[in-house]
PDB file of N, CA and C in Angstrom:
ATOM      1  N   MET A   1     126.651-143.623  62.924  1.00  0.00           N
ATOM      2  CA  MET A   1     125.076-143.157  63.844  1.00  0.00           C
ATOM      3  C   MET A   1     124.977-142.137  63.077  1.00  0.00           C
ATOM      4  N   SER A   2     123.954-141.675  63.071  1.00  0.00           N
ATOM      5  CA  SER A   2     123.223-140.101  62.478  1.00  0.00           C
ATOM      6  C   SER A   2     123.628-138.985  63.573  1.00  0.00           C
ATOM      7  N   ARG A   3     123.719-137.810  63.317  1.00  0.00           N
ATOM      8  CA  ARG A   3     123.691-136.770  64.005  1.00  0.00           C
ATOM      9  C   ARG A   3     122.213-136.205  64.129  1.00  0.00           C
ATOM     10  N   VAL A   4     121.161-137.319  64.847  1.00  0.00           N
ATOM     11  CA  VAL A   4     119.960-136.399  65.002  1.00  0.00           C
ATOM     12  C   VAL A   4     119.618-136.803  66.495  1.00  0.00           C
ATOM     13  N   CYS A   5     118.934-136.161  66.730  1.00  0.00           N
ATOM     14  CA  CYS A   5     118.598-135.844  68.239  1.00  0.00           C
ATOM     15  C   CYS A   5     117.501-137.069  68.465  1.00  0.00           C
ATOM     16  N   GLN A   6     117.273-138.268  69.259  1.00  0.00           N
ATOM     17  CA  GLN A   6     116.303-138.662  69.506  1.00  0.00           C
ATOM     18  C   GLN A   6     114.956-138.442  70.164  1.00  0.00           C
ATOM     19  N   VAL A   7     115.049-137.246  70.777  1.00  0.00           N
ATOM     20  CA  VAL A   7     113.948-136.466  71.574  1.00  0.00           C
ATOM     21  C   VAL A   7     113.289-135.310  70.715  1.00  0.00           C
ATOM     22  N   THR A   8     114.249-134.389  70.302  1.00  0.00           N
ATOM     23  CA  THR A   8     113.662-133.132  69.328  1.00  0.00           C
ATOM     24  C   THR A   8     113.740-133.822  67.829  1.00  0.00           C
ATOM     25  N   GLY A   9     114.594-134.453  67.166  1.00  0.00           N
ATOM     26  CA  GLY A   9     114.885-134.839  66.172  1.00  0.00           C
ATOM     27  C   GLY A   9     115.346-133.615  64.987  1.00  0.00           C
ATOM     28  N   LYS A  10     116.519-133.033  66.330  1.00  0.00           N
ATOM     29  CA  LYS A  10     117.387-131.792  65.252  1.00  0.00           C
ATOM     30  C   LYS A  10     118.421-132.530  64.800  1.00  0.00           C
ATOM     31  N   ARG A  11     118.759-132.156  63.758  1.00  0.00           N
ATOM     32  CA  ARG A  11     119.753-132.426  62.380  1.00  0.00           C
ATOM     33  C   ARG A  11     120.470-131.351  62.166  1.00  0.00           C
ATOM     34  N   PRO A  12     121.666-131.844  61.353  1.00  0.00           N
ATOM     35  CA  PRO A  12     122.449-130.684  61.043  1.00  0.00           C
ATOM     36  C   PRO A  12     121.700-129.884  60.091  1.00  0.00           C
ATOM     37  N   VAL A  13     121.703-128.456  59.980  1.00  0.00           N
ATOM     38  CA  VAL A  13     121.440-127.819  58.961  1.00  0.00           C
ATOM     39  C   VAL A  13     122.997-127.307  58.103  1.00  0.00           C
ATOM     40  N   SER A  14     122.616-126.464  56.953  1.00  0.00           N
ATOM     41  CA  SER A  14     123.277-126.002  55.992  1.00  0.00           C
ATOM     42  C   SER A  14     123.196-124.511  55.878  1.00  0.00           C
ATOM     43  N   GLY A  15     124.399-124.137  55.713  1.00  0.00           N
ATOM     44  CA  GLY A  15     124.277-122.262  55.863  1.00  0.00           C
ATOM     45  C   GLY A  15     125.926-121.745  55.280  1.00  0.00           C
ATOM     46  N   HIS A  16     126.263-120.784  55.469  1.00  0.00           N
ATOM     47  CA  HIS A  16     127.056-119.994  54.604  1.00  0.00           C
ATOM     48  C   HIS A  16     128.404-119.838  55.919  1.00  0.00           C
ATOM     49  N   LYS A  17     129.276-120.226  55.952  1.00  0.00           N
ATOM     50  CA  LYS A  17     130.751-119.376  56.302  1.00  0.00           C
ATOM     51  C   LYS A  17     130.970-118.044  55.660  1.00  0.00           C
ATOM     52  N   VAL A  18     130.758-116.895  56.259  1.00  0.00           N
ATOM     53  CA  VAL A  18     131.194-115.677  55.856  1.00  0.00           C
ATOM     54  C   VAL A  18     132.557-114.952  56.681  1.00  0.00           C
ATOM     55  N   SER A  19     133.480-114.853  55.552  1.00  0.00           N
ATOM     56  CA  SER A  19     134.681-114.388  55.812  1.00  0.00           C
ATOM     57  C   SER A  19     134.803-112.702  56.151  1.00  0.00           C
ATOM     58  N   HIS A  20     135.758-112.237  56.688  1.00  0.00           N
ATOM     59  CA  HIS A  20     135.859-110.919  56.701  1.00  0.00           C
ATOM     60  C   HIS A  20     135.433-110.161  55.536  1.00  0.00           C
ATOM     61  N   SER A  21     135.940-110.576  54.134  1.00  0.00           N
ATOM     62  CA  SER A  21     135.740-109.804  52.843  1.00  0.00           C
ATOM     63  C   SER A  21     134.634-110.346  52.230  1.00  0.00           C
ATOM     64  N   ASN A  22     133.557-111.081  53.220  1.00  0.00           N
ATOM     65  CA  ASN A  22     132.220-111.351  52.865  1.00  0.00           C
ATOM     66  C   ASN A  22     132.087-112.438  51.574  1.00  0.00           C
ATOM     67  N   ILE A  23     133.327-113.308  51.465  1.00  0.00           N
ATOM     68  CA  ILE A  23     133.126-114.627  50.710  1.00  0.00           C
ATOM     69  C   ILE A  23     132.617-115.572  51.519  1.00  0.00           C
ATOM     70  N   LYS A  24     131.416-116.120  50.736  1.00  0.00           N
ATOM     71  CA  LYS A  24     130.588-117.094  51.342  1.00  0.00           C
ATOM     72  C   LYS A  24     130.868-118.426  50.857  1.00  0.00           C
ATOM     73  N   THR A  25     131.114-119.582  51.728  1.00  0.00           N
ATOM     74  CA  THR A  25     131.363-120.788  51.360  1.00  0.00           C
ATOM     75  C   THR A  25     130.448-121.697  52.539  1.00  0.00           C
ATOM     76  N   LYS A  26     129.926-122.956  51.838  1.00  0.00           N
ATOM     77  CA  LYS A  26     129.232-123.642  52.364  1.00  0.00           C
ATOM     78  C   LYS A  26     129.599-124.384  53.659  1.00  0.00           C
ATOM     79  N   ARG A  27     128.814-124.342  54.812  1.00  0.00           N
ATOM     80  CA  ARG A  27     129.287-125.289  55.924  1.00  0.00           C
ATOM     81  C   ARG A  27     127.851-125.662  56.603  1.00  0.00           C
ATOM     82  N   ARG A  28     128.331-126.865  57.603  1.00  0.00           N
ATOM     83  CA  ARG A  28     127.122-127.303  58.272  1.00  0.00           C
ATOM     84  C   ARG A  28     127.043-126.763  59.730  1.00  0.00           C
ATOM     85  N   PHE A  29     126.160-126.502  60.373  1.00  0.00           N
ATOM     86  CA  PHE A  29     125.463-126.386  61.871  1.00  0.00           C
ATOM     87  C   PHE A  29     125.153-127.722  62.357  1.00  0.00           C
ATOM     88  N   LEU A  30     125.823-128.453  63.214  1.00  0.00           N
ATOM     89  CA  LEU A  30     125.777-129.601  63.799  1.00  0.00           C
ATOM     90  C   LEU A  30     124.921-129.417  65.209  1.00  0.00           C
ATOM     91  N   PRO A  31     124.138-130.079  65.301  1.00  0.00           N
ATOM     92  CA  PRO A  31     123.234-129.901  66.756  1.00  0.00           C
ATOM     93  C   PRO A  31     124.556-130.265  68.027  1.00  0.00           C
ATOM     94  N   ASN A  32     124.122-129.943  69.244  1.00  0.00           N
ATOM     95  CA  ASN A  32     124.703-130.277  70.218  1.00  0.00           C
ATOM     96  C   ASN A  32     124.228-131.510  70.852  1.00  0.00           C
ATOM     97  N   LEU A  33     124.803-132.802  70.066  1.00  0.00           N
ATOM     98  CA  LEU A  33     124.361-134.015  70.551  1.00  0.00           C
ATOM     99  C   LEU A  33     125.192-134.505  71.793  1.00  0.00           C
ATOM    100  N   GLN A  34     124.582-135.326  72.734  1.00  0.00           N
ATOM    101  CA  GLN A  34     125.557-135.854  73.823  1.00  0.00           C
ATOM    102  C   GLN A  34     124.648-137.131  74.134  1.00  0.00           C
ATOM    103  N   ILE A  35     125.587-138.371  74.240  1.00  0.00           N
ATOM    104  CA  ILE A  35     125.192-139.585  74.313  1.00  0.00           C
ATOM    105  C   ILE A  35     124.926-139.589  75.808  1.00  0.00           C
ATOM    106  N   LYS A  36     123.580-140.012  76.539  1.00  0.00           N
ATOM    107  CA  LYS A  36     123.621-139.861  77.922  1.00  0.00           C
ATOM    108  C   LYS A  36     122.835-141.290  78.539  1.00  0.00           C
ATOM    109  N   ARG A  37     123.161-141.938  79.460  1.00  0.00           N
ATOM    110  CA  ARG A  37     122.264-142.992  80.073  1.00  0.00           C
ATOM    111  C   ARG A  37     121.424-142.117  81.045  1.00  0.00           C
ATOM    112  N   PHE A  38     120.385-142.747  81.146  1.00  0.00           N
ATOM    113  CA  PHE A  38     119.022-142.853  81.983  1.00  0.00           C
ATOM    114  C   PHE A  38     118.620-143.739  82.588  1.00  0.00           C
ATOM    115  N   PHE A  39     118.156-143.686  84.153  1.00  0.00           N
ATOM    116  CA  PHE A  39     117.906-145.019  84.562  1.00  0.00           C
ATOM    117  C   PHE A  39     116.446-144.408  84.546  1.00  0.00           C
ATOM    118  N   LEU A  40     115.815-145.675  83.816  1.00  0.00           N
ATOM    119  CA  LEU A  40     114.298-145.617  83.546  1.00  0.00           C
ATOM    120  C   LEU A  40     113.529-146.472  85.131  1.00  0.00           C
ATOM    121  N   THR A  41     113.403-145.870  86.027  1.00  0.00           N
ATOM    122  CA  THR A  41     112.778-146.405  87.521  1.00  0.00           C
ATOM    123  C   THR A  41     111.657-147.376  87.071  1.00  0.00           C
ATOM    124  N   GLU A  42     110.430-146.754  86.063  1.00  0.00           N
ATOM    125  CA  GLU A  42     108.961-147.558  86.155  1.00  0.00           C
ATOM    126  C   GLU A  42     109.650-149.139  85.934  1.00  0.00           C
ATOM    127  N   GLU A  43     110.821-149.316  84.532  1.00  0.00           N
ATOM    128  CA  GLU A  43     110.989-150.719  84.279  1.00  0.00           C
ATOM    129  C   GLU A  43     112.224-151.279  84.644  1.00  0.00           C
ATOM    130  N   ASN A  44     113.132-150.429  85.906  1.00  0.00           N
ATOM    131  CA  ASN A  44     114.504-150.759  86.529  1.00  0.00           C
ATOM    132  C   ASN A  44     115.315-151.198  85.656  1.00  0.00           C
ATOM    133  N   LYS A  45     115.523-150.459  84.494  1.00  0.00           N
ATOM    134  CA  LYS A  45     116.687-150.839  83.416  1.00  0.00           C
ATOM    135  C   LYS A  45     117.358-149.466  83.143  1.00  0.00           C
ATOM    136  N   TRP A  46     118.614-149.437  82.617  1.00  0.00           N
ATOM    137  CA  TRP A  46     119.373-148.112  82.157  1.00  0.00           C
ATOM    138  C   TRP A  46     118.690-147.954  80.625  1.00  0.00           C
ATOM    139  N   ILE A  47     118.692-146.749  80.017  1.00  0.00           N
ATOM    140  CA  ILE A  47     118.510-146.693  78.855  1.00  0.00           C
ATOM    141  C   ILE A  47     119.515-145.761  78.166  1.00  0.00           C
ATOM    142  N   THR A  48     120.261-145.766  77.171  1.00  0.00           N
ATOM    143  CA  THR A  48     120.871-144.719  76.558  1.00  0.00           C
ATOM    144  C   THR A  48     120.329-144.066  75.186  1.00  0.00           C
ATOM    145  N   LEU A  49     120.303-142.655  75.307  1.00  0.00           N
ATOM    146  CA  LEU A  49     119.910-141.638  74.229  1.00  0.00           C
ATOM    147  C   LEU A  49     121.062-140.756  74.053  1.00  0.00           C
ATOM    148  N   LYS A  50     120.438-140.373  72.622  1.00  0.00           N
ATOM    149  CA  LYS A  50     121.138-139.527  71.687  1.00  0.00           C
ATOM    150  C   LYS A  50     120.818-138.362  71.738  1.00  0.00           C
ATOM    151  N   VAL A  51     121.117-137.342  72.762  1.00  0.00           N
ATOM    152  CA  VAL A  51     120.299-136.284  72.752  1.00  0.00           C
ATOM    153  C   VAL A  51     120.963-135.119  72.950  1.00  0.00           C
ATOM    154  N   SER A  52     120.057-133.909  72.258  1.00  0.00           N
ATOM    155  CA  SER A  52     120.609-132.434  72.618  1.00  0.00           C
ATOM    156  C   SER A  52     120.393-131.753  73.725  1.00  0.00           C
ATOM    157  N   SER A  53     121.003-130.632  73.598  1.00  0.00           N
ATOM    158  CA  SER A  53     120.882-129.963  74.545  1.00  0.00           C
ATOM    159  C   SER A  53     119.365-129.560  75.136  1.00  0.00           C
ATOM    160  N   GLU A  54     118.763-129.010  74.062  1.00  0.00           N
ATOM    161  CA  GLU A  54     117.264-129.102  74.134  1.00  0.00           C
ATOM    162  C   GLU A  54     116.481-130.270  74.549  1.00  0.00           C
ATOM    163  N   GLY A  55     116.895-131.362  73.825  1.00  0.00           N
ATOM    164  CA  GLY A  55     116.257-132.438  74.493  1.00  0.00           C
ATOM    165  C   GLY A  55     116.385-133.047  75.936  1.00  0.00           C
ATOM    166  N   LEU A  56     117.360-132.612  76.561  1.00  0.00           N
ATOM    167  CA  LEU A  56     117.699-132.485  77.993  1.00  0.00           C
ATOM    168  C   LEU A  56     116.744-132.033  78.739  1.00  0.00           C
ATOM    169  N   ARG A  57     116.401-130.804  78.387  1.00  0.00           N
ATOM    170  CA  ARG A  57     115.591-129.633  78.768  1.00  0.00           C
ATOM    171  C   ARG A  57     113.955-130.351  78.749  1.00  0.00           C
ATOM    172  N   THR A  58     114.121-130.792  77.801  1.00  0.00           N
ATOM    173  CA  THR A  58     112.425-131.598  77.415  1.00  0.00           C
ATOM    174  C   THR A  58     112.114-132.762  78.788  1.00  0.00           C
ATOM    175  N   ILE A  59     113.400-133.686  78.647  1.00  0.00           N
ATOM    176  CA  ILE A  59     113.345-134.516  79.594  1.00  0.00           C
ATOM    177  C   ILE A  59     113.090-134.346  81.346  1.00  0.00           C
ATOM    178  N   ASN A  60     113.854-133.064  81.485  1.00  0.00           N
ATOM    179  CA  ASN A  60     113.965-132.588  82.687  1.00  0.00           C
ATOM    180  C   ASN A  60     112.347-131.867  82.947  1.00  0.00           C
ATOM    181  N   LYS A  61     111.567-131.178  82.032  1.00  0.00           N
ATOM    182  CA  LYS A  61     110.317-130.678  82.186  1.00  0.00           C
ATOM    183  C   LYS A  61     109.216-131.767  82.210  1.00  0.00           C
ATOM    184  N   ARG A  62     109.289-132.644  81.316  1.00  0.00           N
ATOM    185  CA  ARG A  62     108.316-133.495  81.196  1.00  0.00           C
ATOM    186  C   ARG A  62     108.184-134.941  81.649  1.00  0.00           C
ATOM    187  N   GLY A  63     109.717-135.294  82.103  1.00  0.00           N
ATOM    188  CA  GLY A  63     109.960-136.523  82.819  1.00  0.00           C
ATOM    189  C   GLY A  63     110.472-137.624  81.390  1.00  0.00           C
ATOM    190  N   LEU A  64     110.934-138.330  82.364  1.00  0.00           N
ATOM    191  CA  LEU A  64     111.794-139.369  81.524  1.00  0.00           C
ATOM    192  C   LEU A  64     110.671-140.284  80.832  1.00  0.00           C
ATOM    193  N   TYR A  65     109.960-140.834  81.772  1.00  0.00           N
ATOM    194  CA  TYR A  65     109.025-141.901  81.341  1.00  0.00           C
ATOM    195  C   TYR A  65     108.003-141.381  80.400  1.00  0.00           C
ATOM    196  N   ALA A  66     107.746-140.152  80.475  1.00  0.00           N
ATOM    197  CA  ALA A  66     106.365-139.483  79.525  1.00  0.00           C
ATOM    198  C   ALA A  66     107.532-139.680  78.160  1.00  0.00           C
ATOM    199  N   VAL A  67     108.836-139.091  77.794  1.00  0.00           N
ATOM    200  CA  VAL A  67     109.143-138.914  76.665  1.00  0.00           C
ATOM    201  C   VAL A  67     109.273-140.151  75.997  1.00  0.00           C
ATOM    202  N   VAL A  68     109.786-141.302  77.133  1.00  0.00           N
ATOM    203  CA  VAL A  68     110.379-142.770  76.443  1.00  0.00           C
ATOM    204  C   VAL A  68     109.019-143.456  75.985  1.00  0.00           C
ATOM    205  N   LYS A  69     107.932-143.138  76.529  1.00  0.00           N
ATOM    206  CA  LYS A  69     106.528-143.820  76.239  1.00  0.00           C
ATOM    207  C   LYS A  69     106.354-142.842  74.507  1.00  0.00           C
ATOM    208  N   GLU A  70     106.631-141.401  74.654  1.00  0.00           N
ATOM    209  CA  GLU A  70     106.039-140.908  72.992  1.00  0.00           C
ATOM    210  C   GLU A  70     106.974-141.356  72.162  1.00  0.00           C
ATOM    211  N   LEU A  71     107.899-141.662  72.398  1.00  0.00           N
ATOM    212  CA  LEU A  71     109.157-141.715  71.363  1.00  0.00           C
ATOM    213  C   LEU A  71     108.641-143.625  71.017  1.00  0.00           C
ATOM    214  N   ARG A  72     108.479-144.558  71.703  1.00  0.00           N
ATOM    215  CA  ARG A  72     108.207-145.870  71.543  1.00  0.00           C
ATOM    216  C   ARG A  72     106.804-145.950  70.591  1.00  0.00           C
ATOM    217  N   ALA A  73     105.713-144.976  71.135  1.00  0.00           N
ATOM    218  CA  ALA A  73     104.713-144.770  70.045  1.00  0.00           C
ATOM    219  C   ALA A  73     105.051-144.629  68.643  1.00  0.00           C
ATOM    220  N   ALA A  74     105.997-143.461  68.412  1.00  0.00           N
ATOM    221  CA  ALA A  74     106.088-143.017  67.342  1.00  0.00           C
ATOM    222  C   ALA A  74     107.358-143.925  66.548  1.00  0.00           C
ATOM    223  N   GLY A  75     107.507-145.193  67.448  1.00  0.00           N
ATOM    224  CA  GLY A  75     108.147-146.491  66.785  1.00  0.00           C
ATOM    225  C   GLY A  75     109.689-146.600  66.668  1.00  0.00           C
ATOM    226  N   GLU A  76     110.138-145.471  67.406  1.00  0.00           N
ATOM    227  CA  GLU A  76     111.879-145.587  68.008  1.00  0.00           C
ATOM    228  C   GLU A  76     111.656-146.760  69.025  1.00  0.00           C
ATOM    229  N   LYS A  77     113.002-147.615  68.670  1.00  0.00           N
ATOM    230  CA  LYS A  77     113.278-148.533  69.160  1.00  0.00           C
ATOM    231  C   LYS A  77     114.157-148.127  70.371  1.00  0.00           C
ATOM    232  N   ILE A  78     113.652-148.429  71.549  1.00  0.00           N
ATOM    233  CA  ILE A  78     114.704-148.135  73.230  1.00  0.00           C
ATOM    234  C   ILE A  78     114.999-149.281  73.733  1.00  0.00           C
TER     235      ILE A  78
END
């Protein structure tokens, strides 16, 4: 499974690890992903999403059904 948030689309980005002596080596910044189960009351079933912490805030703000409807319109299989 890839490290991509299903709601926001956040993915790993690359950058530098900088040591005390200012030596730069490549590293990856990974998103804070959680595998979370939600109960979709409109369809009376559980769904599992891989979401970042920002994605959880989006679901809390806009509502689960609105977010799922938008994901399905974009072609995501849920």
